[in-house]
Protein backbone atom coordinates (compact mmCIF):
# COMPACT_ATOMS: atom_id res chain seq x y z
CA UNK A 1 207.70 22.46 -53.94
CA UNK A 2 206.00 22.57 -50.51
CA UNK A 3 203.36 24.93 -51.90
CA UNK A 4 202.70 22.50 -54.77
CA UNK A 5 202.25 19.58 -52.35
CA UNK A 6 199.79 21.59 -50.24
CA UNK A 7 197.90 22.63 -53.39
CA UNK A 8 197.74 19.04 -54.64
CA UNK A 9 196.55 17.80 -51.24
CA UNK A 10 193.82 20.46 -51.17
CA UNK A 11 192.76 19.49 -54.69
CA UNK A 12 192.67 15.80 -53.78
CA UNK A 13 190.57 16.52 -50.70
CA UNK A 14 188.13 18.65 -52.68
CA UNK A 15 187.76 15.91 -55.28
CA UNK A 16 187.18 13.22 -52.64
CA UNK A 17 184.12 14.86 -51.11
CA UNK A 18 185.88 16.64 -48.24
CA UNK A 19 184.46 20.02 -47.37
CA UNK A 20 183.75 22.50 -44.64
CA UNK A 21 180.68 24.21 -43.25
CA UNK A 22 181.73 27.53 -41.72
CA UNK A 23 178.24 28.21 -40.31
CA UNK A 24 178.55 25.62 -37.53
CA UNK A 25 182.31 24.96 -37.70
CA UNK A 26 181.84 21.32 -38.70
CA UNK A 27 183.61 19.50 -41.54
CA UNK A 28 182.35 16.97 -44.07
CA UNK A 29 184.38 14.11 -45.55
CA UNK A 30 182.61 11.89 -48.09
CA UNK A 31 179.22 12.63 -46.54
CA UNK A 32 180.33 12.11 -42.93
CA UNK A 33 180.06 15.16 -40.64
CA UNK A 34 182.84 15.80 -38.10
CA UNK A 35 182.70 18.33 -35.29
CA UNK A 36 185.25 21.05 -34.65
CA UNK A 37 188.32 19.50 -32.99
CA UNK A 38 187.62 15.98 -34.24
CA UNK A 39 190.30 13.84 -35.94
CA UNK A 40 189.59 10.86 -38.25
CA UNK A 41 191.06 8.74 -41.03
CA UNK A 42 190.32 10.65 -44.25
CA UNK A 43 188.06 9.11 -46.87
CA UNK A 44 191.20 8.28 -48.92
CA UNK A 45 191.89 5.59 -46.30
CA UNK A 46 195.42 6.56 -45.31
CA UNK A 47 195.73 10.26 -44.44
CA UNK A 48 194.61 11.75 -41.13
CA UNK A 49 192.07 14.58 -41.29
CA UNK A 50 191.33 17.11 -38.56
CA UNK A 51 188.49 19.64 -38.28
CA UNK A 52 189.76 22.96 -36.97
CA UNK A 53 187.22 25.78 -36.78
CA UNK A 54 185.37 24.50 -39.85
CA UNK A 55 188.53 23.87 -41.89
CA UNK A 56 189.81 20.40 -42.79
CA UNK A 57 193.54 19.90 -42.40
CA UNK A 58 195.24 16.71 -43.48
CA UNK A 59 198.51 14.88 -43.61
CA UNK A 60 199.84 14.83 -47.17
CA UNK A 61 201.00 11.23 -47.49
CA UNK A 62 200.65 9.65 -50.92
CA UNK A 63 198.59 6.50 -50.59
CA UNK A 64 198.58 4.89 -54.02
CA UNK A 65 199.98 1.46 -54.81
CA UNK A 66 203.52 1.15 -53.52
CA UNK A 67 203.17 4.26 -51.36
CA UNK A 68 203.82 4.42 -47.62
CA UNK A 69 200.42 2.94 -46.73
CA UNK A 70 199.27 1.81 -50.16
CA UNK A 71 200.62 -1.70 -50.18
CA UNK A 72 202.46 -3.00 -53.22
């Protein structure tokens, strides 16, 4: 189950314009460039993203309607 959640989170991030640039160790989220070590609110509006050595890591909180941060 944990592997499925991680896979779904990675798929969601890839579909939302989140990516990495290994050449300079920066990360891109919906067109915004973040430097290695930087943390920001992901483009989904509720998860926290972090750039670590050119790789985006993220919390895996569901943020649709009725979710933890999705309102009702």
